[in-house]
Amino acid sequence: MGTFSFTYSNRPTGQRTPGRARDSRKRFQCDLFEFWRQCPRTRCQRIHACSGRDPHACFAHHQAALPDDHKDWARAAILAKSTGTATVEQIFRAVGLAL
């Protein structure tokens, strides 16, 4: 007998919806900053990753408490990724940060 697919979408199996892709990126950002350490959800703390239903709300809540140097680092990383900059020195020089 064959196998059955239990997907409820007309999309091919490996393709994600745009909303899920945004959620995935935001979860990655939450994990990058290790927001799970301050998360009140025990599951997030147990698996050391964001597992909540709304990673955008989690990011917004915890991002407000981030120190400015962490925010600067994140901006530098985003800028480096978008411009193709290769080294940490170039990243920090681009946003005017000291090493």
N, C-alpha and C. Protein backbone atom coordinates (compact mmCIF):
# COMPACT_ATOMS: atom_id res chain seq x y z
N MET A 1 0.82 -1.18 0.00
CA MET A 1 0.00 0.00 0.00
C MET A 1 0.87 1.25 0.00
N GLY A 2 0.41 2.33 -0.61
CA GLY A 2 1.18 3.57 -0.72
C GLY A 2 1.12 4.41 0.55
N THR A 3 1.91 5.46 0.55
CA THR A 3 1.90 6.39 1.69
C THR A 3 0.93 7.51 1.40
N PHE A 4 0.43 8.12 2.44
CA PHE A 4 -0.52 9.20 2.31
C PHE A 4 0.10 10.50 2.83
N SER A 5 -0.23 11.59 2.19
CA SER A 5 0.23 12.91 2.64
C SER A 5 -0.95 13.61 3.29
N PHE A 6 -0.75 14.12 4.49
CA PHE A 6 -1.82 14.78 5.22
C PHE A 6 -1.65 16.29 5.23
N THR A 7 -1.32 16.87 4.09
CA THR A 7 -1.21 18.32 4.01
C THR A 7 -2.58 18.89 3.65
N TYR A 8 -2.89 20.05 4.19
CA TYR A 8 -4.18 20.67 3.96
C TYR A 8 -4.05 21.85 3.01
N SER A 9 -3.04 21.86 2.20
CA SER A 9 -2.79 22.96 1.29
C SER A 9 -2.57 22.41 -0.11
N ASN A 10 -2.76 23.24 -1.08
CA ASN A 10 -2.50 22.84 -2.46
C ASN A 10 -1.05 23.07 -2.85
N ARG A 11 -0.24 23.62 -1.94
CA ARG A 11 1.17 23.88 -2.21
C ARG A 11 1.95 22.57 -2.23
N PRO A 12 3.03 22.55 -2.99
CA PRO A 12 3.93 21.39 -2.89
C PRO A 12 4.47 21.27 -1.47
N THR A 13 4.82 20.09 -1.07
CA THR A 13 5.15 19.81 0.33
C THR A 13 6.27 20.68 0.88
N GLY A 14 7.35 20.93 0.13
CA GLY A 14 8.50 21.66 0.65
C GLY A 14 8.34 23.17 0.66
N GLN A 15 7.27 23.70 0.12
CA GLN A 15 7.11 25.14 -0.01
C GLN A 15 6.38 25.71 1.20
N ARG A 16 6.93 26.79 1.76
CA ARG A 16 6.31 27.42 2.93
C ARG A 16 5.47 28.60 2.51
N THR A 17 4.53 28.95 3.35
CA THR A 17 3.74 30.15 3.09
C THR A 17 4.57 31.36 3.52
N PRO A 18 4.32 32.53 2.96
CA PRO A 18 5.10 33.71 3.33
C PRO A 18 5.03 34.02 4.84
N GLY A 19 3.88 33.84 5.46
CA GLY A 19 3.74 34.10 6.89
C GLY A 19 4.60 33.17 7.72
N ARG A 20 4.65 31.91 7.33
CA ARG A 20 5.48 30.94 8.06
C ARG A 20 6.96 31.25 7.88
N ALA A 21 7.33 31.73 6.71
CA ALA A 21 8.73 32.09 6.47
C ALA A 21 9.12 33.28 7.35
N ARG A 22 8.22 34.26 7.49
CA ARG A 22 8.49 35.41 8.38
C ARG A 22 8.60 34.94 9.82
N ASP A 23 7.72 34.04 10.23
CA ASP A 23 7.78 33.50 11.59
C ASP A 23 9.10 32.77 11.82
N SER A 24 9.53 32.03 10.83
CA SER A 24 10.77 31.28 10.94
C SER A 24 11.96 32.23 11.10
N ARG A 25 11.98 33.30 10.31
CA ARG A 25 13.07 34.29 10.43
C ARG A 25 13.05 34.96 11.79
N LYS A 26 11.87 35.28 12.30
CA LYS A 26 11.78 35.95 13.59
C LYS A 26 12.18 35.00 14.72
N ARG A 27 11.82 33.72 14.61
CA ARG A 27 12.26 32.74 15.60
C ARG A 27 13.79 32.63 15.61
N PHE A 28 14.38 32.65 14.41
CA PHE A 28 15.84 32.62 14.31
C PHE A 28 16.45 33.82 15.03
N GLN A 29 15.86 34.99 14.85
CA GLN A 29 16.37 36.19 15.52
C GLN A 29 16.21 36.06 17.04
N CYS A 30 15.09 35.55 17.48
CA CYS A 30 14.88 35.34 18.92
C CYS A 30 15.92 34.37 19.48
N ASP A 31 16.21 33.31 18.73
CA ASP A 31 17.19 32.33 19.16
C ASP A 31 18.60 32.91 19.13
N LEU A 32 18.88 33.76 18.15
CA LEU A 32 20.19 34.38 18.03
C LEU A 32 20.52 35.22 19.28
N PHE A 33 19.53 35.93 19.77
CA PHE A 33 19.71 36.76 20.98
C PHE A 33 19.44 35.98 22.27
N GLU A 34 19.10 34.70 22.12
CA GLU A 34 18.83 33.83 23.26
C GLU A 34 17.73 34.39 24.18
N PHE A 35 16.66 34.86 23.57
CA PHE A 35 15.53 35.38 24.34
C PHE A 35 14.87 34.28 25.15
N TRP A 36 15.09 33.03 24.79
CA TRP A 36 14.50 31.92 25.54
C TRP A 36 14.98 31.91 26.98
N ARG A 37 16.11 32.54 27.26
CA ARG A 37 16.62 32.57 28.64
C ARG A 37 15.70 33.38 29.57
N GLN A 38 15.06 34.42 29.04
CA GLN A 38 14.15 35.24 29.84
C GLN A 38 12.68 34.91 29.60
N CYS A 39 12.41 33.97 28.73
CA CYS A 39 11.03 33.65 28.37
C CYS A 39 10.31 32.97 29.54
N PRO A 40 9.08 33.38 29.81
CA PRO A 40 8.31 32.72 30.87
C PRO A 40 7.81 31.32 30.49
N ARG A 41 7.86 30.98 29.20
CA ARG A 41 7.42 29.65 28.76
C ARG A 41 8.49 28.62 29.09
N THR A 42 8.12 27.61 29.85
CA THR A 42 9.09 26.60 30.24
C THR A 42 9.56 25.78 29.03
N ARG A 43 8.72 25.61 28.03
CA ARG A 43 9.12 24.85 26.85
C ARG A 43 10.26 25.55 26.12
N CYS A 44 10.20 26.87 25.99
CA CYS A 44 11.28 27.62 25.34
C CYS A 44 12.59 27.43 26.11
N GLN A 45 12.50 27.49 27.44
CA GLN A 45 13.70 27.32 28.26
C GLN A 45 14.24 25.90 28.16
N ARG A 46 13.35 24.94 28.09
CA ARG A 46 13.77 23.54 28.04
C ARG A 46 14.47 23.19 26.73
N ILE A 47 13.95 23.68 25.60
CA ILE A 47 14.55 23.33 24.31
C ILE A 47 15.57 24.37 23.84
N HIS A 48 15.77 25.41 24.63
CA HIS A 48 16.73 26.48 24.31
C HIS A 48 16.45 27.10 22.95
N ALA A 49 15.18 27.39 22.69
CA ALA A 49 14.77 27.99 21.43
C ALA A 49 13.37 28.58 21.59
N CYS A 50 13.04 29.51 20.72
CA CYS A 50 11.70 30.11 20.72
C CYS A 50 10.69 29.08 20.22
N SER A 51 9.66 28.84 21.01
CA SER A 51 8.64 27.88 20.59
C SER A 51 7.24 28.43 20.79
N GLY A 52 7.12 29.73 21.02
CA GLY A 52 5.82 30.33 21.26
C GLY A 52 5.02 30.48 19.97
N ARG A 53 3.76 30.79 20.12
CA ARG A 53 2.89 30.92 18.95
C ARG A 53 3.16 32.19 18.16
N ASP A 54 3.64 33.25 18.84
CA ASP A 54 3.86 34.52 18.16
C ASP A 54 5.29 35.00 18.39
N PRO A 55 6.24 34.58 17.54
CA PRO A 55 7.62 35.00 17.72
C PRO A 55 7.82 36.50 17.54
N HIS A 56 6.91 37.16 16.80
CA HIS A 56 7.03 38.60 16.59
C HIS A 56 6.76 39.36 17.89
N ALA A 57 5.77 38.93 18.64
CA ALA A 57 5.47 39.56 19.93
C ALA A 57 6.60 39.31 20.92
N CYS A 58 7.13 38.11 20.90
CA CYS A 58 8.25 37.76 21.78
C CYS A 58 9.46 38.65 21.46
N PHE A 59 9.77 38.79 20.18
CA PHE A 59 10.91 39.61 19.78
C PHE A 59 10.70 41.07 20.20
N ALA A 60 9.51 41.60 19.95
CA ALA A 60 9.23 42.99 20.31
C ALA A 60 9.36 43.21 21.81
N HIS A 61 8.88 42.26 22.60
CA HIS A 61 8.93 42.38 24.05
C HIS A 61 10.38 42.37 24.56
N HIS A 62 11.16 41.42 24.09
CA HIS A 62 12.52 41.27 24.59
C HIS A 62 13.50 42.25 23.95
N GLN A 63 13.23 42.67 22.72
CA GLN A 63 14.13 43.58 22.03
C GLN A 63 14.19 44.93 22.73
N ALA A 64 13.11 45.32 23.36
CA ALA A 64 13.09 46.60 24.07
C ALA A 64 14.08 46.61 25.23
N ALA A 65 14.37 45.45 25.80
CA ALA A 65 15.27 45.36 26.94
C ALA A 65 16.73 45.12 26.53
N LEU A 66 16.99 44.96 25.23
CA LEU A 66 18.36 44.72 24.79
C LEU A 66 19.23 45.96 25.01
N PRO A 67 20.48 45.76 25.40
CA PRO A 67 21.40 46.90 25.51
C PRO A 67 21.68 47.48 24.11
N ASP A 68 22.02 48.74 24.07
CA ASP A 68 22.24 49.41 22.79
C ASP A 68 23.36 48.78 21.97
N ASP A 69 24.41 48.28 22.63
CA ASP A 69 25.50 47.69 21.86
C ASP A 69 25.06 46.40 21.17
N HIS A 70 24.13 45.66 21.76
CA HIS A 70 23.59 44.47 21.10
C HIS A 70 22.75 44.87 19.89
N LYS A 71 21.98 45.95 20.03
CA LYS A 71 21.17 46.42 18.91
C LYS A 71 22.08 46.89 17.78
N ASP A 72 23.18 47.58 18.13
CA ASP A 72 24.14 48.04 17.12
C ASP A 72 24.76 46.85 16.40
N TRP A 73 25.10 45.81 17.16
CA TRP A 73 25.67 44.61 16.56
C TRP A 73 24.70 44.00 15.56
N ALA A 74 23.42 43.94 15.93
CA ALA A 74 22.41 43.35 15.04
C ALA A 74 22.26 44.18 13.77
N ARG A 75 22.24 45.51 13.92
CA ARG A 75 22.15 46.37 12.74
C ARG A 75 23.36 46.17 11.83
N ALA A 76 24.55 46.05 12.43
CA ALA A 76 25.76 45.84 11.65
C ALA A 76 25.70 44.50 10.90
N ALA A 77 25.20 43.47 11.55
CA ALA A 77 25.10 42.16 10.91
C ALA A 77 24.12 42.20 9.75
N ILE A 78 23.01 42.88 9.93
CA ILE A 78 22.02 43.00 8.86
C ILE A 78 22.59 43.79 7.69
N LEU A 79 23.29 44.88 8.00
CA LEU A 79 23.91 45.69 6.96
C LEU A 79 24.97 44.88 6.21
N ALA A 80 25.77 44.13 6.93
CA ALA A 80 26.81 43.31 6.30
C ALA A 80 26.19 42.27 5.38
N LYS A 81 25.13 41.64 5.83
CA LYS A 81 24.47 40.62 5.01
C LYS A 81 23.88 41.22 3.75
N SER A 82 23.30 42.41 3.87
CA SER A 82 22.64 43.01 2.72
C SER A 82 23.63 43.61 1.73
N THR A 83 24.83 43.99 2.21
CA THR A 83 25.81 44.59 1.31
C THR A 83 26.89 43.62 0.87
N GLY A 84 26.90 42.42 1.45
CA GLY A 84 27.90 41.43 1.09
C GLY A 84 29.25 41.66 1.75
N THR A 85 29.29 42.43 2.83
CA THR A 85 30.53 42.70 3.55
C THR A 85 31.01 41.42 4.22
N ALA A 86 32.33 41.19 4.20
CA ALA A 86 32.83 39.89 4.63
C ALA A 86 33.37 39.85 6.05
N THR A 87 34.03 40.89 6.53
CA THR A 87 34.71 40.78 7.80
C THR A 87 34.03 41.59 8.89
N VAL A 88 34.31 41.21 10.12
CA VAL A 88 33.74 41.90 11.27
C VAL A 88 34.22 43.35 11.31
N GLU A 89 35.48 43.58 10.97
CA GLU A 89 36.02 44.93 10.98
C GLU A 89 35.27 45.83 10.01
N GLN A 90 34.99 45.31 8.82
CA GLN A 90 34.26 46.08 7.83
C GLN A 90 32.83 46.36 8.30
N ILE A 91 32.24 45.39 8.94
CA ILE A 91 30.88 45.56 9.45
C ILE A 91 30.84 46.70 10.46
N PHE A 92 31.74 46.65 11.44
CA PHE A 92 31.72 47.65 12.49
C PHE A 92 32.11 49.02 11.96
N ARG A 93 33.05 49.09 11.01
CA ARG A 93 33.40 50.37 10.41
C ARG A 93 32.21 50.97 9.66
N ALA A 94 31.43 50.11 9.00
CA ALA A 94 30.29 50.58 8.21
C ALA A 94 29.25 51.28 9.06
N VAL A 95 29.08 50.86 10.30
CA VAL A 95 28.09 51.50 11.16
C VAL A 95 28.73 52.40 12.21
N GLY A 96 30.05 52.58 12.15
CA GLY A 96 30.73 53.49 13.05
C GLY A 96 30.91 52.97 14.46
N LEU A 97 31.11 51.69 14.62
CA LEU A 97 31.30 51.11 15.95
C LEU A 97 32.77 50.81 16.20
N ALA A 98 33.15 50.82 17.46
CA ALA A 98 34.51 50.45 17.84
C ALA A 98 34.57 48.95 18.06
N LEU A 99 35.72 48.36 17.79
CA LEU A 99 35.88 46.92 18.00
C LEU A 99 36.14 46.59 19.44
